[in-house]
Amino acid sequence: RLLLSVLWCKNMAEDGTAIVESISSKLKETLKATHVEVKDLSDGCGAKLDIIVVSDEFEGKPLLERQRSVHEAIKEEMKVVHAITMKTKTVKQWEAMQQA
């Protein structure tokens, strides 16, 4: 797995910082997110990301619809990203998590 990860990173068209910044910006703009965290878990190449998105746009939407919204917002970036994990929360859910 490590070898595959290294090969994937060497073949990336963009560096991880550019991908992280682009995704963060698009999620804030498209989903009116109040909080976005995008962490590169692939040693800097941007192939594997952990994403947290907090937006009131998610209010009343099931998890699958929230995740589809995120995927739609970053569909161009996903062409060069190998894998993502994500958490999608409303502002109320996020605030409750922060207080726990």
N, C-alpha and C. Protein backbone atom coordinates (compact mmCIF):
# COMPACT_ATOMS: atom_id res chain seq x y z
N ARG A 1 0.81 -1.20 0.00
CA ARG A 1 0.00 0.00 0.00
C ARG A 1 0.85 1.26 0.00
N LEU A 2 1.93 1.21 0.74
CA LEU A 2 2.80 2.38 0.79
C LEU A 2 3.37 2.68 -0.59
N LEU A 3 3.79 1.64 -1.31
CA LEU A 3 4.34 1.83 -2.65
C LEU A 3 3.30 2.45 -3.58
N LEU A 4 2.07 1.95 -3.51
CA LEU A 4 1.00 2.51 -4.34
C LEU A 4 0.76 3.97 -3.99
N SER A 5 0.80 4.28 -2.71
CA SER A 5 0.60 5.65 -2.26
C SER A 5 1.71 6.56 -2.78
N VAL A 6 2.95 6.09 -2.72
CA VAL A 6 4.08 6.87 -3.21
C VAL A 6 3.97 7.08 -4.71
N LEU A 7 3.63 6.02 -5.45
CA LEU A 7 3.47 6.15 -6.90
C LEU A 7 2.35 7.10 -7.25
N TRP A 8 1.25 7.02 -6.51
CA TRP A 8 0.11 7.92 -6.76
C TRP A 8 0.56 9.37 -6.55
N CYS A 9 1.26 9.64 -5.47
CA CYS A 9 1.71 10.99 -5.17
C CYS A 9 2.65 11.51 -6.25
N LYS A 10 3.52 10.68 -6.74
CA LYS A 10 4.47 11.11 -7.78
C LYS A 10 3.75 11.46 -9.07
N ASN A 11 2.59 10.87 -9.30
CA ASN A 11 1.85 11.11 -10.53
C ASN A 11 0.80 12.21 -10.41
N MET A 12 0.70 12.84 -9.24
CA MET A 12 -0.30 13.88 -9.05
C MET A 12 0.02 15.10 -9.90
N ALA A 13 -1.01 15.69 -10.50
CA ALA A 13 -0.82 16.87 -11.35
C ALA A 13 -0.58 18.12 -10.52
N GLU A 14 -1.12 18.17 -9.31
CA GLU A 14 -0.99 19.35 -8.46
C GLU A 14 -0.48 18.92 -7.09
N ASP A 15 0.11 19.86 -6.38
CA ASP A 15 0.55 19.53 -5.03
C ASP A 15 -0.63 19.61 -4.07
N GLY A 16 -0.46 18.98 -2.92
CA GLY A 16 -1.54 18.90 -1.95
C GLY A 16 -2.03 20.23 -1.43
N THR A 17 -1.14 21.20 -1.29
CA THR A 17 -1.54 22.51 -0.78
C THR A 17 -2.55 23.18 -1.71
N ALA A 18 -2.31 23.10 -3.01
CA ALA A 18 -3.23 23.71 -3.97
C ALA A 18 -4.60 23.05 -3.93
N ILE A 19 -4.63 21.73 -3.81
CA ILE A 19 -5.90 21.00 -3.74
C ILE A 19 -6.65 21.37 -2.47
N VAL A 20 -5.95 21.39 -1.35
CA VAL A 20 -6.57 21.72 -0.06
C VAL A 20 -7.18 23.12 -0.11
N GLU A 21 -6.43 24.08 -0.62
CA GLU A 21 -6.93 25.46 -0.69
C GLU A 21 -8.12 25.59 -1.63
N SER A 22 -8.06 24.91 -2.77
CA SER A 22 -9.15 24.96 -3.74
C SER A 22 -10.42 24.35 -3.17
N ILE A 23 -10.29 23.20 -2.54
CA ILE A 23 -11.46 22.53 -1.95
C ILE A 23 -12.06 23.38 -0.84
N SER A 24 -11.22 23.89 0.03
CA SER A 24 -11.70 24.72 1.14
C SER A 24 -12.47 25.93 0.61
N SER A 25 -11.92 26.60 -0.36
CA SER A 25 -12.55 27.78 -0.95
C SER A 25 -13.89 27.44 -1.60
N LYS A 26 -13.93 26.37 -2.38
CA LYS A 26 -15.17 26.00 -3.06
C LYS A 26 -16.26 25.60 -2.08
N LEU A 27 -15.91 24.89 -1.02
CA LEU A 27 -16.91 24.47 -0.04
C LEU A 27 -17.48 25.67 0.71
N LYS A 28 -16.62 26.62 1.05
CA LYS A 28 -17.10 27.83 1.74
C LYS A 28 -18.05 28.61 0.84
N GLU A 29 -17.69 28.72 -0.42
CA GLU A 29 -18.49 29.50 -1.36
C GLU A 29 -19.78 28.78 -1.76
N THR A 30 -19.66 27.55 -2.20
CA THR A 30 -20.79 26.81 -2.75
C THR A 30 -21.81 26.42 -1.69
N LEU A 31 -21.34 25.96 -0.54
CA LEU A 31 -22.24 25.47 0.51
C LEU A 31 -22.44 26.50 1.62
N LYS A 32 -21.90 27.69 1.44
CA LYS A 32 -22.00 28.74 2.47
C LYS A 32 -21.55 28.20 3.83
N ALA A 33 -20.46 27.47 3.80
CA ALA A 33 -19.95 26.82 5.01
C ALA A 33 -19.39 27.84 5.98
N THR A 34 -19.71 27.65 7.24
CA THR A 34 -19.19 28.52 8.29
C THR A 34 -17.87 28.00 8.83
N HIS A 35 -17.61 26.73 8.62
CA HIS A 35 -16.36 26.11 9.07
C HIS A 35 -15.99 25.01 8.09
N VAL A 36 -14.75 25.02 7.63
CA VAL A 36 -14.24 23.97 6.73
C VAL A 36 -12.85 23.59 7.19
N GLU A 37 -12.61 22.30 7.32
CA GLU A 37 -11.27 21.78 7.57
C GLU A 37 -10.97 20.77 6.48
N VAL A 38 -9.84 20.95 5.83
CA VAL A 38 -9.38 19.98 4.83
C VAL A 38 -7.97 19.61 5.21
N LYS A 39 -7.78 18.34 5.57
CA LYS A 39 -6.45 17.86 5.99
C LYS A 39 -5.93 16.87 4.96
N ASP A 40 -4.69 17.09 4.55
CA ASP A 40 -4.03 16.19 3.61
C ASP A 40 -3.42 15.04 4.42
N LEU A 41 -3.90 13.84 4.19
CA LEU A 41 -3.42 12.66 4.91
C LEU A 41 -2.42 11.86 4.08
N SER A 42 -1.95 12.44 2.98
CA SER A 42 -1.11 11.69 2.04
C SER A 42 0.31 12.25 1.95
N ASP A 43 0.81 12.80 3.03
CA ASP A 43 2.19 13.32 3.07
C ASP A 43 2.43 14.43 2.06
N GLY A 44 1.43 15.26 1.82
CA GLY A 44 1.65 16.46 1.04
C GLY A 44 1.25 16.44 -0.42
N CYS A 45 0.79 15.32 -0.95
CA CYS A 45 0.47 15.31 -2.38
C CYS A 45 -1.02 15.53 -2.65
N GLY A 46 -1.86 15.49 -1.63
CA GLY A 46 -3.28 15.76 -1.81
C GLY A 46 -4.09 14.59 -2.33
N ALA A 47 -3.55 13.38 -2.29
CA ALA A 47 -4.26 12.22 -2.82
C ALA A 47 -5.31 11.68 -1.86
N LYS A 48 -5.11 11.90 -0.56
CA LYS A 48 -6.05 11.39 0.45
C LYS A 48 -6.36 12.53 1.42
N LEU A 49 -7.65 12.85 1.54
CA LEU A 49 -8.05 14.01 2.33
C LEU A 49 -9.11 13.66 3.37
N ASP A 50 -9.07 14.38 4.48
CA ASP A 50 -10.10 14.32 5.51
C ASP A 50 -10.77 15.69 5.51
N ILE A 51 -12.09 15.71 5.33
CA ILE A 51 -12.82 16.97 5.18
C ILE A 51 -13.93 17.07 6.22
N ILE A 52 -14.01 18.23 6.85
CA ILE A 52 -15.12 18.57 7.74
C ILE A 52 -15.79 19.82 7.17
N VAL A 53 -17.10 19.76 6.99
CA VAL A 53 -17.85 20.90 6.46
C VAL A 53 -19.01 21.20 7.40
N VAL A 54 -19.12 22.43 7.84
CA VAL A 54 -20.21 22.88 8.71
C VAL A 54 -21.01 23.93 7.95
N SER A 55 -22.29 23.63 7.73
CA SER A 55 -23.12 24.55 6.96
C SER A 55 -24.59 24.37 7.33
N ASP A 56 -25.31 25.47 7.39
CA ASP A 56 -26.74 25.38 7.61
C ASP A 56 -27.46 24.88 6.35
N GLU A 57 -26.76 24.81 5.24
CA GLU A 57 -27.32 24.22 4.01
C GLU A 57 -27.67 22.75 4.24
N PHE A 58 -27.07 22.12 5.24
CA PHE A 58 -27.30 20.70 5.53
C PHE A 58 -28.54 20.47 6.39
N GLU A 59 -29.11 21.55 6.92
CA GLU A 59 -30.27 21.42 7.82
C GLU A 59 -31.39 20.65 7.13
N GLY A 60 -31.86 19.59 7.79
CA GLY A 60 -32.98 18.79 7.29
C GLY A 60 -32.61 17.81 6.18
N LYS A 61 -31.34 17.75 5.80
CA LYS A 61 -30.92 16.84 4.72
C LYS A 61 -30.30 15.59 5.32
N PRO A 62 -30.61 14.43 4.74
CA PRO A 62 -29.97 13.20 5.21
C PRO A 62 -28.49 13.18 4.84
N LEU A 63 -27.73 12.31 5.50
CA LEU A 63 -26.29 12.23 5.33
C LEU A 63 -25.89 12.06 3.86
N LEU A 64 -26.54 11.17 3.15
CA LEU A 64 -26.18 10.92 1.76
C LEU A 64 -26.33 12.17 0.89
N GLU A 65 -27.38 12.93 1.12
CA GLU A 65 -27.59 14.17 0.36
C GLU A 65 -26.53 15.22 0.71
N ARG A 66 -26.13 15.26 1.96
CA ARG A 66 -25.07 16.18 2.37
C ARG A 66 -23.76 15.83 1.65
N GLN A 67 -23.45 14.53 1.66
CA GLN A 67 -22.21 14.09 1.02
C GLN A 67 -22.24 14.33 -0.49
N ARG A 68 -23.38 14.13 -1.10
CA ARG A 68 -23.51 14.42 -2.53
C ARG A 68 -23.28 15.90 -2.81
N SER A 69 -23.76 16.75 -1.92
CA SER A 69 -23.55 18.20 -2.08
C SER A 69 -22.06 18.53 -2.05
N VAL A 70 -21.34 17.90 -1.14
CA VAL A 70 -19.89 18.13 -1.04
C VAL A 70 -19.21 17.64 -2.32
N HIS A 71 -19.54 16.42 -2.73
CA HIS A 71 -18.93 15.87 -3.95
C HIS A 71 -19.21 16.75 -5.17
N GLU A 72 -20.41 17.25 -5.27
CA GLU A 72 -20.78 18.10 -6.40
C GLU A 72 -19.96 19.40 -6.38
N ALA A 73 -19.77 19.96 -5.20
CA ALA A 73 -19.04 21.22 -5.08
C ALA A 73 -17.57 21.08 -5.47
N ILE A 74 -17.00 19.89 -5.25
CA ILE A 74 -15.57 19.69 -5.51
C ILE A 74 -15.30 18.68 -6.62
N LYS A 75 -16.23 18.54 -7.54
CA LYS A 75 -16.10 17.51 -8.58
C LYS A 75 -14.84 17.67 -9.43
N GLU A 76 -14.41 18.89 -9.69
CA GLU A 76 -13.19 19.08 -10.48
C GLU A 76 -11.96 18.60 -9.71
N GLU A 77 -11.89 18.95 -8.44
CA GLU A 77 -10.76 18.52 -7.60
C GLU A 77 -10.73 17.01 -7.42
N MET A 78 -11.89 16.39 -7.41
CA MET A 78 -11.96 14.94 -7.21
C MET A 78 -11.33 14.16 -8.36
N LYS A 79 -11.08 14.81 -9.47
CA LYS A 79 -10.42 14.15 -10.60
C LYS A 79 -8.97 13.78 -10.28
N VAL A 80 -8.37 14.48 -9.30
CA VAL A 80 -6.98 14.19 -8.94
C VAL A 80 -6.83 13.72 -7.49
N VAL A 81 -7.94 13.53 -6.81
CA VAL A 81 -7.91 13.03 -5.43
C VAL A 81 -8.26 11.55 -5.44
N HIS A 82 -7.48 10.76 -4.73
CA HIS A 82 -7.68 9.32 -4.69
C HIS A 82 -8.78 8.92 -3.71
N ALA A 83 -8.81 9.55 -2.53
CA ALA A 83 -9.77 9.16 -1.49
C ALA A 83 -10.06 10.31 -0.55
N ILE A 84 -11.30 10.36 -0.05
CA ILE A 84 -11.65 11.34 0.97
C ILE A 84 -12.49 10.67 2.06
N THR A 85 -12.39 11.23 3.24
CA THR A 85 -13.34 10.94 4.31
C THR A 85 -13.95 12.29 4.65
N MET A 86 -15.22 12.28 5.04
CA MET A 86 -15.84 13.58 5.35
C MET A 86 -16.84 13.48 6.48
N LYS A 87 -16.96 14.60 7.15
CA LYS A 87 -18.01 14.80 8.15
C LYS A 87 -18.77 16.05 7.71
N THR A 88 -20.08 15.96 7.69
CA THR A 88 -20.93 17.09 7.30
C THR A 88 -21.88 17.39 8.45
N LYS A 89 -21.78 18.59 8.99
CA LYS A 89 -22.57 18.97 10.16
C LYS A 89 -23.28 20.29 9.93
N THR A 90 -24.43 20.44 10.59
CA THR A 90 -25.08 21.75 10.63
C THR A 90 -24.34 22.57 11.70
N VAL A 91 -24.61 23.86 11.74
CA VAL A 91 -23.97 24.72 12.75
C VAL A 91 -24.37 24.25 14.15
N LYS A 92 -25.63 23.90 14.36
CA LYS A 92 -26.07 23.43 15.68
C LYS A 92 -25.35 22.15 16.07
N GLN A 93 -25.22 21.21 15.14
CA GLN A 93 -24.53 19.95 15.43
C GLN A 93 -23.06 20.21 15.78
N TRP A 94 -22.43 21.09 15.03
CA TRP A 94 -21.02 21.41 15.26
C TRP A 94 -20.82 22.07 16.63
N GLU A 95 -21.68 23.02 16.96
CA GLU A 95 -21.57 23.69 18.25
C GLU A 95 -21.77 22.71 19.40
N ALA A 96 -22.70 21.78 19.25
CA ALA A 96 -22.94 20.77 20.28
C ALA A 96 -21.70 19.87 20.45
N MET A 97 -21.07 19.52 19.33
CA MET A 97 -19.85 18.70 19.40
C MET A 97 -18.71 19.44 20.09
N GLN A 98 -18.61 20.74 19.86
CA GLN A 98 -17.54 21.53 20.44
C GLN A 98 -17.70 21.70 21.96
N GLN A 99 -18.96 21.66 22.42
CA GLN A 99 -19.24 21.81 23.84
C GLN A 99 -19.15 20.50 24.60
N ALA A 100 -19.19 19.41 23.88
CA ALA A 100 -19.17 18.08 24.56
C ALA A 100 -17.80 17.72 25.09
